[in-house]
Amino acid sequence: MWTLPNLLSFLRIAIIPVLVYFLAFGDPISGLLAAFLFLLASLTDFFDGYLARRYRAVSNLGKILDPLADKLIIIAALIMLAAMDRAGEPQVPAWLVVVIVARETAVTLLRWIALTEGIVMEAEALGKYKFFLQAAAVFALMVHYPYLGIHFYVVGIYSLVLSTLVALWSGVYYHIKFFRLLQQKANTGGREEQIDKKRR
């Protein structure tokens, strides 16, 4: 449980209250502080996966904890961003946040159901692409204001819409994969039962 990759995942979860605290103010400086804190947390996502593979510290807990930490920090940030009041400036559409939260909840529940069946569903490449796009969107939306000729709000919204499309597709993929694995397990169990009967 206390491997370095898992500790990095726990760190991402621990950062969430601090992130929420900064986002509660809504001013440009607090937005920048929240954005760079979020960037730091997102970088740990890369390092925990790298360290787990490099030092062979991959565990079933890590396979669940890593994507769970990603979901929690993204959802917390998006809920705060949707509720923020920035002097009449456009905010994150609430309906988009609802779609994202519904998708993340559905996939998380699917993983827990899979665990009860003895199936560990680790994060897929499509899920990693989704997180990268979401992280880029959330970072830009936290910055919000134009800097260096870049309108971060516009960049954030387009990135968030794109990440939502990828998220929905990956959600469908996870469900298809789960039912395939469940069917394989059922077929394997049936064959083993037949072998046992023949032996008897």
Protein backbone atom coordinates (compact mmCIF):
# COMPACT_ATOMS: atom_id res chain seq x y z
CA MET A 1 0.00 0.00 0.00
CA TRP A 2 2.76 2.47 0.96
CA THR A 3 4.76 2.29 -2.26
CA LEU A 4 5.99 5.58 -3.76
CA PRO A 5 3.57 5.44 -6.73
CA ASN A 6 0.62 4.97 -4.34
CA LEU A 7 1.88 7.80 -2.12
CA LEU A 8 1.92 10.10 -5.16
CA SER A 9 -1.70 9.15 -5.85
CA PHE A 10 -2.57 9.91 -2.21
CA LEU A 11 -0.76 13.25 -2.62
CA ARG A 12 -3.02 14.18 -5.55
CA ILE A 13 -6.04 13.48 -3.37
CA ALA A 14 -4.56 15.48 -0.48
CA ILE A 15 -4.03 18.50 -2.77
CA ILE A 16 -7.77 18.74 -3.56
CA PRO A 17 -8.80 20.75 -0.43
CA VAL A 18 -5.99 23.27 -1.05
CA LEU A 19 -7.06 23.56 -4.69
CA VAL A 20 -10.68 24.18 -3.66
CA TYR A 21 -9.51 26.82 -1.18
CA PHE A 22 -7.73 28.86 -3.88
CA LEU A 23 -10.59 28.49 -6.37
CA ALA A 24 -13.06 29.80 -3.79
CA PHE A 25 -11.64 33.34 -4.15
CA GLY A 26 -12.11 33.73 -7.90
CA ASP A 27 -9.52 36.48 -8.38
CA PRO A 28 -6.75 36.27 -11.04
CA ILE A 29 -3.90 35.63 -8.57
CA SER A 30 -5.76 32.82 -6.78
CA GLY A 31 -6.63 31.34 -10.18
CA LEU A 32 -2.97 31.28 -11.18
CA LEU A 33 -1.95 29.70 -7.86
CA ALA A 34 -4.64 27.05 -8.26
CA ALA A 35 -3.56 26.42 -11.86
CA PHE A 36 0.08 25.81 -10.97
CA LEU A 37 -0.88 23.66 -7.98
CA PHE A 38 -3.09 21.62 -10.31
CA LEU A 39 -0.22 21.36 -12.81
CA LEU A 40 2.01 19.99 -10.05
CA ALA A 41 -0.62 17.44 -9.08
CA SER A 42 -1.06 16.41 -12.73
CA LEU A 43 2.68 15.82 -13.12
CA THR A 44 2.58 13.31 -10.25
CA ASP A 45 0.18 11.26 -12.40
CA PHE A 46 2.97 10.75 -14.93
CA PHE A 47 5.60 9.99 -12.31
CA ASP A 48 3.57 7.45 -10.32
CA GLY A 49 2.96 5.39 -13.46
CA TYR A 50 6.60 5.65 -14.52
CA LEU A 51 7.91 4.68 -11.07
CA ALA A 52 5.47 1.78 -10.77
CA ARG A 53 6.74 0.32 -14.05
CA ARG A 54 10.39 1.22 -13.46
CA TYR A 55 10.63 -0.40 -10.03
CA ARG A 56 8.00 -3.09 -10.59
CA ALA A 57 5.76 -1.61 -7.91
CA VAL A 58 2.54 -2.17 -9.85
CA SER A 59 -0.26 -3.30 -7.52
CA ASN A 60 -3.99 -3.91 -7.74
CA LEU A 61 -4.50 -1.00 -5.31
CA GLY A 62 -2.43 1.26 -7.56
CA LYS A 63 -4.46 0.25 -10.62
CA ILE A 64 -7.59 1.50 -8.84
CA LEU A 65 -6.11 4.38 -6.83
CA ASP A 66 -4.35 6.10 -9.76
CA PRO A 67 -7.45 6.68 -11.95
CA LEU A 68 -9.56 7.38 -8.85
CA ALA A 69 -7.20 10.22 -7.80
CA ASP A 70 -7.38 11.61 -11.35
CA LYS A 71 -11.18 11.60 -11.31
CA LEU A 72 -11.46 13.20 -7.87
CA ILE A 73 -9.17 16.14 -8.62
CA ILE A 74 -10.75 16.78 -12.04
CA ILE A 75 -14.32 16.62 -10.70
CA ALA A 76 -13.54 18.82 -7.69
CA ALA A 77 -11.91 21.44 -9.93
CA LEU A 78 -14.75 21.43 -12.48
CA ILE A 79 -17.45 21.78 -9.82
CA MET A 80 -15.63 24.78 -8.36
CA LEU A 81 -15.09 26.31 -11.81
CA ALA A 82 -18.77 25.92 -12.71
CA ALA A 83 -19.79 27.66 -9.48
CA MET A 84 -17.28 30.53 -9.69
CA ASP A 85 -18.32 34.14 -10.17
CA ARG A 86 -15.71 36.11 -12.08
CA ALA A 87 -17.26 39.55 -12.48
CA GLY A 88 -19.74 38.56 -15.17
CA GLU A 89 -17.19 36.54 -17.16
CA PRO A 90 -18.46 33.30 -18.80
CA GLN A 91 -18.01 30.18 -16.69
CA VAL A 92 -17.89 26.42 -17.29
CA PRO A 93 -21.36 25.20 -18.40
CA ALA A 94 -23.00 23.22 -15.60
CA TRP A 95 -24.50 20.68 -18.01
CA LEU A 96 -21.00 19.79 -19.27
CA VAL A 97 -19.83 19.19 -15.71
CA VAL A 98 -22.87 16.96 -15.09
CA VAL A 99 -22.04 14.85 -18.17
CA ILE A 100 -18.42 14.47 -17.05
CA VAL A 101 -19.36 13.59 -13.46
CA ALA A 102 -21.93 11.05 -14.68
CA ARG A 103 -19.34 9.40 -16.93
CA GLU A 104 -16.69 9.25 -14.20
CA THR A 105 -19.20 7.86 -11.69
CA ALA A 106 -20.37 5.19 -14.13
CA VAL A 107 -16.80 4.03 -14.89
CA THR A 108 -15.80 4.05 -11.20
CA LEU A 109 -18.85 1.95 -10.28
CA LEU A 110 -18.05 -0.41 -13.14
CA ARG A 111 -14.53 -0.89 -11.77
CA TRP A 112 -15.86 -1.68 -8.29
CA ILE A 113 -18.36 -4.17 -9.72
CA ALA A 114 -15.52 -5.74 -11.70
CA LEU A 115 -13.50 -6.09 -8.48
CA THR A 116 -16.36 -8.03 -6.86
CA GLU A 117 -16.08 -10.43 -9.81
CA GLY A 118 -12.31 -10.73 -9.34
CA ILE A 119 -11.55 -8.57 -12.39
CA VAL A 120 -9.09 -5.65 -12.08
CA MET A 121 -9.69 -3.04 -14.77
CA GLU A 122 -6.68 -0.76 -14.95
CA ALA A 123 -6.56 2.54 -16.82
CA GLU A 124 -6.37 2.19 -20.60
CA ALA A 125 -4.48 4.42 -23.04
CA LEU A 126 -7.75 6.07 -24.09
CA GLY A 127 -8.42 6.97 -20.46
CA LYS A 128 -4.96 8.53 -20.19
CA TYR A 129 -5.60 10.66 -23.28
CA LYS A 130 -8.87 11.75 -21.73
CA PHE A 131 -7.14 12.76 -18.51
CA PHE A 132 -4.47 14.70 -20.42
CA LEU A 133 -7.12 16.68 -22.31
CA GLN A 134 -9.13 17.26 -19.14
CA ALA A 135 -6.03 18.38 -17.25
CA ALA A 136 -5.13 20.83 -20.04
CA ALA A 137 -8.71 22.14 -20.05
CA VAL A 138 -8.90 22.57 -16.28
CA PHE A 139 -5.51 24.30 -16.17
CA ALA A 140 -6.58 26.79 -18.86
CA LEU A 141 -9.97 27.37 -17.21
CA MET A 142 -8.31 28.08 -13.86
CA VAL A 143 -6.06 30.70 -15.48
CA HIS A 144 -9.19 31.99 -17.30
CA TYR A 145 -7.90 35.46 -18.22
CA PRO A 146 -5.89 36.35 -21.36
CA TYR A 147 -2.11 36.22 -20.93
CA LEU A 148 0.59 36.58 -23.58
CA GLY A 149 -2.07 36.87 -26.29
CA ILE A 150 -3.70 33.55 -25.30
CA HIS A 151 -7.36 33.58 -24.24
CA PHE A 152 -7.16 30.75 -21.73
CA TYR A 153 -10.92 30.51 -21.19
CA VAL A 154 -11.56 29.79 -24.89
CA VAL A 155 -8.71 27.25 -25.01
CA GLY A 156 -10.08 25.60 -21.86
CA ILE A 157 -13.65 25.31 -23.12
CA TYR A 158 -12.67 23.77 -26.47
CA SER A 159 -10.30 21.35 -24.72
CA LEU A 160 -13.02 20.41 -22.24
CA VAL A 161 -15.55 19.66 -24.99
CA LEU A 162 -12.99 17.53 -26.83
CA SER A 163 -12.04 15.69 -23.63
CA THR A 164 -15.73 15.03 -22.93
CA LEU A 165 -16.16 13.36 -26.33
CA VAL A 166 -13.08 11.19 -25.65
CA ALA A 167 -14.40 10.46 -22.14
CA LEU A 168 -17.75 9.25 -23.44
CA TRP A 169 -16.07 7.03 -26.02
CA SER A 170 -13.69 5.56 -23.45
CA GLY A 171 -16.65 5.01 -21.09
CA VAL A 172 -18.37 2.92 -23.76
CA TYR A 173 -15.10 1.04 -24.33
CA TYR A 174 -14.73 0.22 -20.60
CA HIS A 175 -18.26 -1.22 -20.50
CA ILE A 176 -17.66 -3.34 -23.60
CA LYS A 177 -14.37 -4.57 -22.13
CA PHE A 178 -16.01 -5.41 -18.80
CA PHE A 179 -18.73 -7.55 -20.37
CA ARG A 180 -16.15 -9.32 -22.56
CA LEU A 181 -13.98 -10.12 -19.53
CA LEU A 182 -17.05 -11.26 -17.62
CA GLN A 183 -18.02 -13.56 -20.47
CA GLN A 184 -14.47 -14.96 -20.68
CA LYS A 185 -14.50 -15.63 -16.95
CA ALA A 186 -17.86 -17.38 -17.21
CA ASN A 187 -16.61 -19.52 -20.12
CA THR A 188 -13.39 -20.38 -18.25
CA GLY A 189 -15.37 -21.29 -15.14
CA GLY A 190 -17.64 -23.51 -17.19
CA ARG A 191 -14.70 -25.35 -18.79
CA GLU A 192 -13.03 -25.87 -15.40
CA GLU A 193 -16.27 -27.28 -14.02
CA GLN A 194 -16.52 -29.74 -16.91
CA ILE A 195 -12.87 -30.84 -16.37
CA ASP A 196 -13.58 -31.43 -12.67
CA LYS A 197 -16.61 -33.55 -13.52
CA LYS A 198 -14.54 -35.67 -15.95
CA ARG A 199 -11.86 -36.19 -13.31
CA ARG A 200 -14.46 -37.40 -10.85
